[in-house]
Amino acid sequence: MAFEGLADKLGNAFKKLKNKGKLSEKDVKEAMREVRLALLEADVNYKVAKDFTNKVTERAVGQDVMQSLTPAQMVVKIVDEELTSLMGGEDARIEFASKPPTVIMMCGLQGSGKTTHTAKLAKMLKKQGRNPLLAACDVYRPAAIDQLKVVGEKAGVPVFEMGKANPVKIAKASPPLREPSPITAMTLLFSIPQADFILMRLLWMSLKTSKKKLNQTKFCLLSTR
């Protein structure tokens, strides 16, 4: 499923809620059903998607939300909180996999410094004796791929790219996730088209809970929010 498709489906689900003055339990359940389907189409594990939407529904149909003056906004807030909780909930140091690769997702708005930070991270990993790879998954910003190639070359780190393909497919096609590889750490560089950090977390969930087993691969998310 295309990255834009996930954004559109989630946006439509939340838009329907925002168009209603008051929400019923039926409204919330219908929205969460659409969210669950969008997650499944984005290759999120069925149990993870189901448990996530069940938790959101349970909290969202509470009295505080239903009687709020802005119930739709509270539902979106609950979605964001549950995604944060699912992904760890706290800032943490990078945990490296005992069996490589370690996958790092660098995410943020356009112009927030992702490419520069990615190059600095790659240089740091090299100094630590690791063998990093950069994957160009920012297919939205003009010249983003070329810029990553330039900073990758300066850092002495290879860059994997597939042009303007689906960002999720680029990530999953990267050599360390496809076959045995000497790469020990891989940084995926994504650009969020809008200030949609719920979408960012859902994209990460799609990669992390992919139906394709990734053995002991470690995942971590870095945000230039």
N, C-alpha and C. Protein backbone atom coordinates (compact mmCIF):
# COMPACT_ATOMS: atom_id res chain seq x y z
N MET A 1 0.84 -1.19 0.00
CA MET A 1 0.00 0.00 0.00
C MET A 1 0.88 1.24 0.00
N ALA A 2 0.54 2.25 -0.81
CA ALA A 2 1.34 3.45 -0.89
C ALA A 2 1.26 4.24 0.40
N PHE A 3 2.36 4.97 0.67
CA PHE A 3 2.42 5.81 1.86
C PHE A 3 1.28 6.82 1.83
N GLU A 4 1.04 7.41 0.65
CA GLU A 4 -0.04 8.38 0.53
C GLU A 4 -1.39 7.73 0.80
N GLY A 5 -1.55 6.47 0.40
CA GLY A 5 -2.81 5.77 0.61
C GLY A 5 -3.12 5.62 2.09
N LEU A 6 -2.10 5.30 2.88
CA LEU A 6 -2.30 5.18 4.33
C LEU A 6 -2.72 6.53 4.89
N ALA A 7 -2.06 7.60 4.45
CA ALA A 7 -2.39 8.94 4.94
C ALA A 7 -3.82 9.31 4.59
N ASP A 8 -4.24 9.00 3.35
CA ASP A 8 -5.59 9.35 2.91
C ASP A 8 -6.65 8.61 3.71
N LYS A 9 -6.44 7.32 3.92
CA LYS A 9 -7.43 6.52 4.64
C LYS A 9 -7.57 6.97 6.09
N LEU A 10 -6.43 7.24 6.74
CA LEU A 10 -6.48 7.70 8.12
C LEU A 10 -7.10 9.09 8.20
N GLY A 11 -6.71 9.94 7.25
CA GLY A 11 -7.27 11.29 7.22
C GLY A 11 -8.78 11.28 7.05
N ASN A 12 -9.27 10.40 6.18
CA ASN A 12 -10.71 10.32 5.96
C ASN A 12 -11.45 9.83 7.21
N ALA A 13 -10.84 8.87 7.90
CA ALA A 13 -11.47 8.33 9.11
C ALA A 13 -11.61 9.42 10.18
N PHE A 14 -10.54 10.20 10.37
CA PHE A 14 -10.58 11.25 11.39
C PHE A 14 -11.45 12.43 10.94
N LYS A 15 -11.49 12.68 9.62
CA LYS A 15 -12.30 13.78 9.10
C LYS A 15 -13.78 13.53 9.36
N LYS A 16 -14.20 12.28 9.21
CA LYS A 16 -15.60 11.93 9.47
C LYS A 16 -15.97 12.22 10.92
N LEU A 17 -15.04 11.94 11.83
CA LEU A 17 -15.30 12.22 13.24
C LEU A 17 -15.40 13.72 13.49
N LYS A 18 -14.49 14.47 12.85
CA LYS A 18 -14.46 15.91 13.08
C LYS A 18 -15.68 16.61 12.50
N ASN A 19 -16.31 15.99 11.50
CA ASN A 19 -17.49 16.59 10.89
C ASN A 19 -18.75 16.42 11.75
N LYS A 20 -18.64 15.62 12.81
CA LYS A 20 -19.79 15.39 13.69
C LYS A 20 -19.64 16.25 14.94
N GLY A 21 -20.70 16.90 15.34
CA GLY A 21 -20.67 17.72 16.55
C GLY A 21 -20.47 16.87 17.79
N LYS A 22 -21.26 15.80 17.89
CA LYS A 22 -21.13 14.86 19.00
C LYS A 22 -20.87 13.47 18.43
N LEU A 23 -20.20 12.66 19.21
CA LEU A 23 -19.86 11.32 18.75
C LEU A 23 -20.63 10.27 19.54
N SER A 24 -21.02 9.22 18.83
CA SER A 24 -21.64 8.08 19.49
C SER A 24 -20.63 6.94 19.52
N GLU A 25 -20.92 5.92 20.27
CA GLU A 25 -20.04 4.75 20.32
C GLU A 25 -19.93 4.13 18.94
N LYS A 26 -21.02 4.16 18.19
CA LYS A 26 -21.02 3.61 16.83
C LYS A 26 -20.06 4.39 15.93
N ASP A 27 -20.03 5.73 16.08
CA ASP A 27 -19.12 6.56 15.27
C ASP A 27 -17.67 6.18 15.52
N VAL A 28 -17.32 6.02 16.79
CA VAL A 28 -15.95 5.69 17.17
C VAL A 28 -15.56 4.31 16.63
N LYS A 29 -16.45 3.34 16.79
CA LYS A 29 -16.15 1.98 16.35
C LYS A 29 -15.99 1.92 14.83
N GLU A 30 -16.80 2.69 14.11
CA GLU A 30 -16.70 2.72 12.66
C GLU A 30 -15.37 3.33 12.23
N ALA A 31 -14.96 4.42 12.90
CA ALA A 31 -13.68 5.06 12.58
C ALA A 31 -12.51 4.12 12.86
N MET A 32 -12.57 3.41 13.98
CA MET A 32 -11.50 2.48 14.34
C MET A 32 -11.46 1.28 13.40
N ARG A 33 -12.61 0.89 12.88
CA ARG A 33 -12.64 -0.19 11.88
C ARG A 33 -11.88 0.25 10.62
N GLU A 34 -12.08 1.51 10.21
CA GLU A 34 -11.37 2.03 9.05
C GLU A 34 -9.87 2.13 9.31
N VAL A 35 -9.51 2.55 10.54
CA VAL A 35 -8.10 2.63 10.91
C VAL A 35 -7.47 1.24 10.88
N ARG A 36 -8.18 0.25 11.43
CA ARG A 36 -7.65 -1.12 11.46
C ARG A 36 -7.43 -1.64 10.03
N LEU A 37 -8.38 -1.40 9.14
CA LEU A 37 -8.24 -1.85 7.76
C LEU A 37 -7.05 -1.17 7.08
N ALA A 38 -6.87 0.12 7.36
CA ALA A 38 -5.75 0.85 6.77
C ALA A 38 -4.42 0.28 7.26
N LEU A 39 -4.36 -0.07 8.53
CA LEU A 39 -3.14 -0.64 9.10
C LEU A 39 -2.84 -2.00 8.48
N LEU A 40 -3.88 -2.82 8.32
CA LEU A 40 -3.70 -4.15 7.74
C LEU A 40 -3.21 -4.04 6.30
N GLU A 41 -3.75 -3.07 5.55
CA GLU A 41 -3.31 -2.87 4.17
C GLU A 41 -1.88 -2.36 4.13
N ALA A 42 -1.44 -1.71 5.21
CA ALA A 42 -0.07 -1.22 5.30
C ALA A 42 0.87 -2.30 5.86
N ASP A 43 0.36 -3.53 5.95
CA ASP A 43 1.18 -4.69 6.36
C ASP A 43 1.47 -4.74 7.85
N VAL A 44 0.64 -4.09 8.67
CA VAL A 44 0.79 -4.20 10.11
C VAL A 44 0.21 -5.54 10.56
N ASN A 45 0.87 -6.19 11.48
CA ASN A 45 0.42 -7.47 12.01
C ASN A 45 -1.03 -7.38 12.49
N TYR A 46 -1.84 -8.40 12.17
CA TYR A 46 -3.27 -8.36 12.49
C TYR A 46 -3.53 -8.17 13.98
N LYS A 47 -2.83 -8.94 14.82
CA LYS A 47 -3.07 -8.87 16.27
C LYS A 47 -2.70 -7.49 16.82
N VAL A 48 -1.58 -6.93 16.31
CA VAL A 48 -1.15 -5.61 16.76
C VAL A 48 -2.20 -4.56 16.39
N ALA A 49 -2.68 -4.62 15.13
CA ALA A 49 -3.68 -3.66 14.67
C ALA A 49 -4.98 -3.79 15.46
N LYS A 50 -5.40 -5.02 15.71
CA LYS A 50 -6.65 -5.25 16.45
C LYS A 50 -6.55 -4.78 17.89
N ASP A 51 -5.45 -5.15 18.57
CA ASP A 51 -5.26 -4.74 19.96
C ASP A 51 -5.19 -3.22 20.08
N PHE A 52 -4.49 -2.61 19.13
CA PHE A 52 -4.35 -1.15 19.15
C PHE A 52 -5.71 -0.45 19.03
N THR A 53 -6.49 -0.84 18.02
CA THR A 53 -7.79 -0.18 17.81
C THR A 53 -8.77 -0.51 18.94
N ASN A 54 -8.65 -1.69 19.53
CA ASN A 54 -9.52 -2.03 20.68
C ASN A 54 -9.21 -1.12 21.87
N LYS A 55 -7.93 -0.86 22.11
CA LYS A 55 -7.54 0.01 23.22
C LYS A 55 -8.04 1.43 22.99
N VAL A 56 -7.89 1.91 21.76
CA VAL A 56 -8.35 3.27 21.45
C VAL A 56 -9.86 3.36 21.62
N THR A 57 -10.58 2.35 21.12
CA THR A 57 -12.04 2.34 21.23
C THR A 57 -12.49 2.35 22.68
N GLU A 58 -11.84 1.51 23.49
CA GLU A 58 -12.20 1.42 24.90
C GLU A 58 -12.07 2.76 25.61
N ARG A 59 -10.96 3.47 25.32
CA ARG A 59 -10.77 4.77 25.94
C ARG A 59 -11.69 5.84 25.33
N ALA A 60 -11.89 5.76 24.01
CA ALA A 60 -12.62 6.81 23.30
C ALA A 60 -14.12 6.82 23.58
N VAL A 61 -14.68 5.69 24.00
CA VAL A 61 -16.12 5.66 24.27
C VAL A 61 -16.42 5.99 25.74
N GLY A 62 -15.39 6.43 26.47
CA GLY A 62 -15.59 6.82 27.86
C GLY A 62 -16.41 8.09 27.96
N GLN A 63 -16.96 8.31 29.13
CA GLN A 63 -17.86 9.45 29.36
C GLN A 63 -17.16 10.79 29.12
N ASP A 64 -15.88 10.90 29.53
CA ASP A 64 -15.16 12.16 29.38
C ASP A 64 -15.05 12.58 27.93
N VAL A 65 -14.85 11.59 27.03
CA VAL A 65 -14.72 11.90 25.61
C VAL A 65 -16.08 12.20 25.00
N MET A 66 -17.04 11.37 25.26
CA MET A 66 -18.37 11.53 24.66
C MET A 66 -19.02 12.86 25.02
N GLN A 67 -18.75 13.36 26.23
CA GLN A 67 -19.38 14.59 26.69
C GLN A 67 -18.49 15.82 26.47
N SER A 68 -17.33 15.61 25.86
CA SER A 68 -16.42 16.72 25.61
C SER A 68 -16.97 17.64 24.53
N LEU A 69 -16.55 18.91 24.57
CA LEU A 69 -16.95 19.86 23.53
C LEU A 69 -16.23 19.59 22.22
N THR A 70 -15.09 18.90 22.30
CA THR A 70 -14.31 18.55 21.10
C THR A 70 -13.98 17.06 21.13
N PRO A 71 -14.97 16.20 21.03
CA PRO A 71 -14.72 14.75 21.15
C PRO A 71 -13.80 14.20 20.07
N ALA A 72 -13.90 14.70 18.84
CA ALA A 72 -13.06 14.19 17.75
C ALA A 72 -11.59 14.45 18.04
N GLN A 73 -11.28 15.64 18.55
CA GLN A 73 -9.89 15.96 18.87
C GLN A 73 -9.38 15.07 19.99
N MET A 74 -10.23 14.74 20.94
CA MET A 74 -9.83 13.86 22.03
C MET A 74 -9.55 12.45 21.53
N VAL A 75 -10.32 12.00 20.54
CA VAL A 75 -10.09 10.67 19.96
C VAL A 75 -8.73 10.65 19.26
N VAL A 76 -8.43 11.69 18.48
CA VAL A 76 -7.13 11.77 17.80
C VAL A 76 -6.00 11.78 18.83
N LYS A 77 -6.20 12.50 19.94
CA LYS A 77 -5.19 12.56 21.00
C LYS A 77 -4.97 11.17 21.61
N ILE A 78 -6.06 10.43 21.79
CA ILE A 78 -5.95 9.08 22.33
C ILE A 78 -5.18 8.18 21.37
N VAL A 79 -5.46 8.31 20.07
CA VAL A 79 -4.74 7.54 19.05
C VAL A 79 -3.25 7.82 19.15
N ASP A 80 -2.90 9.10 19.25
CA ASP A 80 -1.49 9.48 19.35
C ASP A 80 -0.84 8.90 20.61
N GLU A 81 -1.54 8.98 21.74
CA GLU A 81 -1.00 8.46 23.00
C GLU A 81 -0.81 6.95 22.97
N GLU A 82 -1.77 6.23 22.38
CA GLU A 82 -1.66 4.78 22.30
C GLU A 82 -0.53 4.35 21.36
N LEU A 83 -0.34 5.11 20.27
CA LEU A 83 0.76 4.80 19.37
C LEU A 83 2.10 5.03 20.06
N THR A 84 2.19 6.13 20.82
CA THR A 84 3.41 6.42 21.56
C THR A 84 3.71 5.31 22.55
N SER A 85 2.67 4.86 23.24
CA SER A 85 2.82 3.78 24.22
C SER A 85 3.26 2.49 23.53
N LEU A 86 2.66 2.20 22.39
CA LEU A 86 2.98 0.98 21.65
C LEU A 86 4.44 0.97 21.21
N MET A 87 4.96 2.15 20.90
CA MET A 87 6.32 2.25 20.39
C MET A 87 7.37 2.42 21.49
N GLY A 88 6.94 2.38 22.74
CA GLY A 88 7.92 2.46 23.83
C GLY A 88 7.60 3.54 24.82
N GLY A 89 7.05 4.67 24.36
CA GLY A 89 6.56 5.69 25.25
C GLY A 89 7.60 6.62 25.85
N GLU A 90 8.87 6.31 25.74
CA GLU A 90 9.91 7.14 26.36
C GLU A 90 11.09 7.31 25.41
N ASP A 91 11.83 8.40 25.62
CA ASP A 91 13.07 8.58 24.88
C ASP A 91 14.07 7.53 25.37
N ALA A 92 14.93 7.06 24.49
CA ALA A 92 15.89 6.03 24.90
C ALA A 92 17.12 6.07 24.00
N ARG A 93 18.19 5.47 24.47
CA ARG A 93 19.40 5.35 23.65
C ARG A 93 19.17 4.29 22.59
N ILE A 94 19.94 4.36 21.51
CA ILE A 94 19.82 3.37 20.45
C ILE A 94 20.26 2.01 20.98
N GLU A 95 19.39 1.04 20.84
CA GLU A 95 19.70 -0.33 21.27
C GLU A 95 20.06 -1.13 20.03
N PHE A 96 21.27 -1.66 20.00
CA PHE A 96 21.72 -2.37 18.81
C PHE A 96 21.40 -3.86 18.90
N ALA A 97 21.02 -4.42 17.76
CA ALA A 97 20.62 -5.83 17.70
C ALA A 97 21.83 -6.74 17.89
N SER A 98 21.60 -7.85 18.60
CA SER A 98 22.67 -8.83 18.75
C SER A 98 22.94 -9.51 17.41
N LYS A 99 21.90 -9.59 16.59
CA LYS A 99 22.04 -10.12 15.24
C LYS A 99 21.62 -9.03 14.26
N PRO A 100 22.58 -8.36 13.60
CA PRO A 100 22.27 -7.21 12.73
C PRO A 100 21.26 -7.58 11.64
N PRO A 101 20.57 -6.55 11.06
CA PRO A 101 20.89 -5.13 11.25
C PRO A 101 20.04 -4.47 12.34
N THR A 102 20.49 -3.31 12.78
CA THR A 102 19.68 -2.41 13.59
C THR A 102 19.09 -1.38 12.63
N VAL A 103 17.79 -1.22 12.65
CA VAL A 103 17.12 -0.31 11.72
C VAL A 103 16.73 0.97 12.45
N ILE A 104 17.17 2.09 11.93
CA ILE A 104 16.89 3.40 12.53
C ILE A 104 16.08 4.21 11.53
N MET A 105 14.94 4.73 11.97
CA MET A 105 14.10 5.53 11.10
C MET A 105 14.22 7.00 11.50
N MET A 106 14.74 7.82 10.60
CA MET A 106 14.87 9.26 10.83
C MET A 106 13.68 9.94 10.16
N CYS A 107 12.85 10.58 10.95
CA CYS A 107 11.60 11.11 10.44
C CYS A 107 11.41 12.55 10.85
N GLY A 108 10.74 13.33 10.04
CA GLY A 108 10.44 14.71 10.42
C GLY A 108 9.91 15.51 9.24
N LEU A 109 9.56 16.75 9.53
CA LEU A 109 9.03 17.63 8.49
C LEU A 109 10.12 18.06 7.54
N GLN A 110 9.73 18.54 6.37
CA GLN A 110 10.70 19.06 5.42
C GLN A 110 11.39 20.28 6.02
N GLY A 111 12.73 20.30 5.89
CA GLY A 111 13.49 21.43 6.41
C GLY A 111 13.84 21.33 7.88
N SER A 112 13.57 20.17 8.51
CA SER A 112 13.82 20.04 9.94
C SER A 112 15.21 19.47 10.26
N GLY A 113 16.02 19.23 9.22
CA GLY A 113 17.40 18.82 9.45
C GLY A 113 17.65 17.32 9.43
N LYS A 114 16.75 16.56 8.81
CA LYS A 114 16.88 15.10 8.81
C LYS A 114 18.15 14.63 8.10
N THR A 115 18.42 15.17 6.91
CA THR A 115 19.56 14.69 6.12
C THR A 115 20.88 14.98 6.83
N THR A 116 21.00 16.18 7.39
CA THR A 116 22.21 16.54 8.13
C THR A 116 22.40 15.63 9.33
N HIS A 117 21.32 15.42 10.09
CA HIS A 117 21.40 14.55 11.27
C HIS A 117 21.73 13.11 10.87
N THR A 118 21.18 12.69 9.74
CA THR A 118 21.44 11.32 9.28
C THR A 118 22.91 11.13 8.95
N ALA A 119 23.52 12.11 8.29
CA ALA A 119 24.95 12.03 7.96
C ALA A 119 25.79 12.01 9.23
N LYS A 120 25.43 12.84 10.21
CA LYS A 120 26.18 12.87 11.47
C LYS A 120 26.06 11.53 12.20
N LEU A 121 24.85 10.96 12.17
CA LEU A 121 24.63 9.66 12.81
C LEU A 121 25.47 8.58 12.14
N ALA A 122 25.49 8.60 10.80
CA ALA A 122 26.27 7.61 10.06
C ALA A 122 27.75 7.70 10.41
N LYS A 123 28.28 8.92 10.50
CA LYS A 123 29.70 9.11 10.86
C LYS A 123 29.97 8.60 12.27
N MET A 124 29.03 8.85 13.18
CA MET A 124 29.18 8.37 14.55
C MET A 124 29.21 6.85 14.60
N LEU A 125 28.33 6.22 13.84
CA LEU A 125 28.27 4.76 13.81
C LEU A 125 29.56 4.17 13.25
N LYS A 126 30.12 4.84 12.22
CA LYS A 126 31.38 4.37 11.65
C LYS A 126 32.51 4.45 12.68
N LYS A 127 32.52 5.54 13.44
CA LYS A 127 33.55 5.70 14.47
C LYS A 127 33.43 4.62 15.55
N GLN A 128 32.20 4.13 15.74
CA GLN A 128 31.98 3.07 16.73
C GLN A 128 32.33 1.69 16.18
N GLY A 129 32.79 1.65 14.93
CA GLY A 129 33.16 0.39 14.32
C GLY A 129 32.02 -0.35 13.67
N ARG A 130 30.91 0.35 13.47
CA ARG A 130 29.75 -0.29 12.82
C ARG A 130 29.79 -0.04 11.32
N ASN A 131 28.96 -0.76 10.58
CA ASN A 131 28.95 -0.68 9.13
C ASN A 131 27.57 -0.19 8.66
N PRO A 132 27.35 1.14 8.63
CA PRO A 132 26.02 1.66 8.34
C PRO A 132 25.68 1.75 6.85
N LEU A 133 24.39 1.81 6.58
CA LEU A 133 23.85 2.04 5.25
C LEU A 133 22.73 3.06 5.38
N LEU A 134 22.64 3.99 4.43
CA LEU A 134 21.54 4.96 4.41
C LEU A 134 20.56 4.56 3.31
N ALA A 135 19.27 4.57 3.63
CA ALA A 135 18.23 4.24 2.64
C ALA A 135 17.42 5.49 2.36
N ALA A 136 17.34 5.88 1.09
CA ALA A 136 16.65 7.11 0.70
C ALA A 136 15.16 6.85 0.52
N CYS A 137 14.40 7.08 1.60
CA CYS A 137 12.94 6.86 1.55
C CYS A 137 12.17 8.18 1.49
N ASP A 138 12.89 9.30 1.41
CA ASP A 138 12.24 10.60 1.27
C ASP A 138 12.00 10.87 -0.21
N VAL A 139 10.82 10.49 -0.69
CA VAL A 139 10.53 10.62 -2.12
C VAL A 139 9.68 11.85 -2.43
N TYR A 140 9.44 12.68 -1.42
CA TYR A 140 8.56 13.84 -1.60
C TYR A 140 9.32 15.13 -1.86
N ARG A 141 10.41 15.35 -1.12
CA ARG A 141 11.14 16.61 -1.23
C ARG A 141 12.03 16.59 -2.47
N PRO A 142 11.96 17.63 -3.30
CA PRO A 142 12.81 17.69 -4.50
C PRO A 142 14.29 17.57 -4.14
N ALA A 143 15.00 16.77 -4.88
CA ALA A 143 16.45 16.59 -4.74
C ALA A 143 16.87 15.94 -3.42
N ALA A 144 15.92 15.41 -2.65
CA ALA A 144 16.27 14.79 -1.36
C ALA A 144 17.20 13.60 -1.53
N ILE A 145 16.94 12.79 -2.56
CA ILE A 145 17.76 11.59 -2.79
C ILE A 145 19.19 11.99 -3.17
N ASP A 146 19.31 12.99 -4.05
CA ASP A 146 20.63 13.45 -4.46
C ASP A 146 21.39 14.03 -3.26
N GLN A 147 20.68 14.77 -2.41
CA GLN A 147 21.32 15.36 -1.24
C GLN A 147 21.85 14.28 -0.30
N LEU A 148 21.04 13.20 -0.13
CA LEU A 148 21.48 12.11 0.74
C LEU A 148 22.71 11.42 0.16
N LYS A 149 22.75 11.29 -1.16
CA LYS A 149 23.92 10.68 -1.82
C LYS A 149 25.18 11.51 -1.55
N VAL A 150 25.01 12.83 -1.60
CA VAL A 150 26.16 13.73 -1.40
C VAL A 150 26.69 13.59 0.03
N VAL A 151 25.78 13.66 1.03
CA VAL A 151 26.25 13.59 2.42
C VAL A 151 26.74 12.18 2.75
N GLY A 152 26.15 11.17 2.08
CA GLY A 152 26.60 9.79 2.28
C GLY A 152 28.01 9.60 1.77
N GLU A 153 28.29 10.18 0.60
CA GLU A 153 29.63 10.07 0.01
C GLU A 153 30.65 10.77 0.91
N LYS A 154 30.30 11.95 1.43
CA LYS A 154 31.20 12.69 2.31
C LYS A 154 31.49 11.91 3.60
N ALA A 155 30.46 11.19 4.06
CA ALA A 155 30.63 10.41 5.30
C ALA A 155 31.26 9.05 5.03
N GLY A 156 31.39 8.71 3.75
CA GLY A 156 31.95 7.41 3.40
C GLY A 156 30.98 6.26 3.68
N VAL A 157 29.69 6.55 3.52
CA VAL A 157 28.64 5.56 3.82
C VAL A 157 27.80 5.32 2.56
N PRO A 158 27.54 4.05 2.19
CA PRO A 158 26.73 3.78 1.00
C PRO A 158 25.28 4.21 1.17
N VAL A 159 24.65 4.55 0.05
CA VAL A 159 23.24 4.97 0.05
C VAL A 159 22.44 4.05 -0.87
N PHE A 160 21.36 3.49 -0.35
CA PHE A 160 20.48 2.64 -1.15
C PHE A 160 19.28 3.48 -1.57
N GLU A 161 18.94 3.43 -2.86
CA GLU A 161 17.78 4.20 -3.34
C GLU A 161 17.10 3.48 -4.49
N MET A 162 15.80 3.75 -4.63
CA MET A 162 15.00 3.18 -5.72
C MET A 162 14.20 4.28 -6.41
N GLY A 163 14.77 5.49 -6.43
CA GLY A 163 14.06 6.60 -7.06
C GLY A 163 12.82 6.98 -6.28
N LYS A 164 11.73 7.25 -7.00
CA LYS A 164 10.49 7.73 -6.39
C LYS A 164 9.50 6.60 -6.09
N ALA A 165 10.00 5.44 -5.75
CA ALA A 165 9.13 4.30 -5.46
C ALA A 165 8.42 4.49 -4.12
N ASN A 166 7.52 3.57 -3.81
CA ASN A 166 6.81 3.57 -2.53
C ASN A 166 7.84 3.52 -1.39
N PRO A 167 7.82 4.48 -0.45
CA PRO A 167 8.83 4.52 0.62
C PRO A 167 8.91 3.24 1.45
N VAL A 168 7.75 2.64 1.74
CA VAL A 168 7.76 1.40 2.53
C VAL A 168 8.43 0.28 1.75
N LYS A 169 8.17 0.20 0.44
CA LYS A 169 8.80 -0.82 -0.39
C LYS A 169 10.31 -0.60 -0.47
N ILE A 170 10.72 0.67 -0.51
CA ILE A 170 12.16 0.97 -0.53
C ILE A 170 12.81 0.43 0.74
N ALA A 171 12.17 0.73 1.88
CA ALA A 171 12.71 0.28 3.17
C ALA A 171 12.83 -1.24 3.22
N LYS A 172 11.78 -1.93 2.80
CA LYS A 172 11.77 -3.39 2.89
C LYS A 172 12.66 -4.05 1.84
N ALA A 173 12.98 -3.30 0.77
CA ALA A 173 13.85 -3.85 -0.27
C ALA A 173 15.32 -3.61 0.02
N SER A 174 15.62 -2.83 1.05
CA SER A 174 17.01 -2.53 1.40
C SER A 174 17.77 -3.82 1.67
N PRO A 175 19.00 -3.94 1.17
CA PRO A 175 19.76 -5.20 1.27
C PRO A 175 19.76 -5.86 2.64
N PRO A 176 19.97 -5.13 3.76
CA PRO A 176 20.03 -5.82 5.06
C PRO A 176 18.72 -6.50 5.46
N LEU A 177 17.60 -6.05 4.93
CA LEU A 177 16.33 -6.68 5.27
C LEU A 177 15.92 -7.75 4.27
N ARG A 178 16.71 -7.87 3.21
CA ARG A 178 16.36 -8.80 2.14
C ARG A 178 17.20 -10.07 2.19
N GLU A 179 18.43 -9.93 2.62
CA GLU A 179 19.37 -11.05 2.52
C GLU A 179 20.51 -10.85 3.52
N PRO A 180 21.30 -11.88 3.80
CA PRO A 180 22.46 -11.72 4.69
C PRO A 180 23.36 -10.61 4.16
N SER A 181 23.83 -9.74 5.07
CA SER A 181 24.57 -8.56 4.63
C SER A 181 25.58 -8.16 5.71
N PRO A 182 26.70 -7.55 5.28
CA PRO A 182 27.68 -7.06 6.26
C PRO A 182 27.21 -5.78 6.96
N ILE A 183 26.10 -5.21 6.49
CA ILE A 183 25.57 -3.98 7.08
C ILE A 183 25.08 -4.27 8.50
N THR A 184 25.52 -3.47 9.46
CA THR A 184 25.12 -3.69 10.86
C THR A 184 24.08 -2.68 11.33
N ALA A 185 23.98 -1.53 10.65
CA ALA A 185 22.98 -0.52 11.03
C ALA A 185 22.47 0.16 9.77
N MET A 186 21.18 0.33 9.67
CA MET A 186 20.59 0.95 8.50
C MET A 186 19.69 2.10 8.92
N THR A 187 19.89 3.28 8.35
CA THR A 187 19.05 4.44 8.66
C THR A 187 18.11 4.70 7.49
N LEU A 188 16.81 4.72 7.76
CA LEU A 188 15.79 5.03 6.76
C LEU A 188 15.43 6.50 6.90
N LEU A 189 15.55 7.26 5.84
CA LEU A 189 15.26 8.69 5.90
C LEU A 189 13.91 8.97 5.26
N PHE A 190 12.93 9.35 6.08
CA PHE A 190 11.59 9.65 5.60
C PHE A 190 11.29 11.13 5.80
N SER A 191 10.45 11.68 4.93
CA SER A 191 9.96 13.05 5.11
C SER A 191 8.45 12.99 5.27
N ILE A 192 7.92 13.66 6.31
CA ILE A 192 6.49 13.68 6.53
C ILE A 192 5.91 14.87 5.75
N PRO A 193 4.99 14.63 4.80
CA PRO A 193 4.48 15.71 3.96
C PRO A 193 3.83 16.84 4.76
N GLN A 194 3.18 16.51 5.87
CA GLN A 194 2.52 17.51 6.71
C GLN A 194 2.87 17.21 8.16
N ALA A 195 2.39 18.06 9.06
CA ALA A 195 2.67 17.85 10.48
C ALA A 195 1.81 16.70 11.00
N ASP A 196 2.07 15.52 10.48
CA ASP A 196 1.23 14.36 10.79
C ASP A 196 2.08 13.29 11.46
N PHE A 197 2.30 13.46 12.76
CA PHE A 197 3.17 12.53 13.46
C PHE A 197 2.44 11.26 13.85
N ILE A 198 1.11 11.28 13.80
CA ILE A 198 0.36 10.03 13.95
C ILE A 198 0.69 9.13 12.76
N LEU A 199 0.70 9.72 11.57
CA LEU A 199 1.04 8.96 10.36
C LEU A 199 2.46 8.41 10.46
N MET A 200 3.39 9.21 10.98
CA MET A 200 4.77 8.75 11.12
C MET A 200 4.83 7.50 11.99
N ARG A 201 4.11 7.52 13.11
CA ARG A 201 4.14 6.38 14.02
C ARG A 201 3.48 5.16 13.39
N LEU A 202 2.41 5.38 12.61
CA LEU A 202 1.74 4.26 11.97
C LEU A 202 2.64 3.65 10.89
N LEU A 203 3.39 4.47 10.19
CA LEU A 203 4.32 3.97 9.19
C LEU A 203 5.38 3.11 9.87
N TRP A 204 5.88 3.58 11.01
CA TRP A 204 6.87 2.82 11.77
C TRP A 204 6.29 1.50 12.23
N MET A 205 5.04 1.52 12.67
CA MET A 205 4.38 0.29 13.09
C MET A 205 4.32 -0.70 11.94
N SER A 206 4.06 -0.17 10.72
CA SER A 206 3.99 -1.03 9.54
C SER A 206 5.31 -1.73 9.29
N LEU A 207 6.42 -1.00 9.43
CA LEU A 207 7.74 -1.59 9.21
C LEU A 207 8.09 -2.57 10.32
N LYS A 208 7.81 -2.16 11.56
CA LYS A 208 8.23 -2.94 12.71
C LYS A 208 7.46 -4.25 12.85
N THR A 209 6.19 -4.25 12.46
CA THR A 209 5.36 -5.44 12.63
C THR A 209 5.07 -6.12 11.30
N SER A 210 5.96 -5.90 10.34
CA SER A 210 5.78 -6.50 9.01
C SER A 210 5.54 -8.00 9.12
N LYS A 211 4.69 -8.52 8.25
CA LYS A 211 4.42 -9.96 8.25
C LYS A 211 5.69 -10.75 7.94
N LYS A 212 6.63 -10.12 7.25
CA LYS A 212 7.90 -10.79 6.96
C LYS A 212 8.74 -10.80 8.24
N LYS A 213 9.10 -11.97 8.71
CA LYS A 213 9.87 -12.09 9.95
C LYS A 213 11.27 -11.52 9.74
N LEU A 214 11.68 -10.69 10.68
CA LEU A 214 12.98 -10.05 10.56
C LEU A 214 13.93 -10.52 11.66
N ASN A 215 13.71 -11.74 12.15
CA ASN A 215 14.57 -12.35 13.15
C ASN A 215 14.77 -11.43 14.35
N GLN A 216 16.05 -11.15 14.71
CA GLN A 216 16.32 -10.36 15.90
C GLN A 216 16.58 -8.90 15.57
N THR A 217 16.14 -8.44 14.41
CA THR A 217 16.37 -7.06 14.01
C THR A 217 15.82 -6.09 15.04
N LYS A 218 16.62 -5.10 15.43
CA LYS A 218 16.20 -4.07 16.36
C LYS A 218 15.74 -2.85 15.58
N PHE A 219 14.64 -2.22 16.04
CA PHE A 219 14.13 -1.02 15.39
C PHE A 219 14.13 0.13 16.38
N CYS A 220 14.49 1.31 15.92
CA CYS A 220 14.33 2.50 16.76
C CYS A 220 13.95 3.68 15.86
N LEU A 221 13.28 4.65 16.45
CA LEU A 221 12.76 5.80 15.71
C LEU A 221 13.40 7.08 16.23
N LEU A 222 13.95 7.88 15.32
CA LEU A 222 14.48 9.19 15.67
C LEU A 222 13.64 10.24 14.95
N SER A 223 13.22 11.26 15.67
CA SER A 223 12.35 12.27 15.09
C SER A 223 13.00 13.64 15.20
N THR A 224 12.94 14.42 14.10
CA THR A 224 13.42 15.79 14.14
C THR A 224 12.25 16.74 14.32
N ARG A 225 11.25 16.28 15.03
CA ARG A 225 10.02 17.04 15.27
C ARG A 225 10.35 18.37 15.92
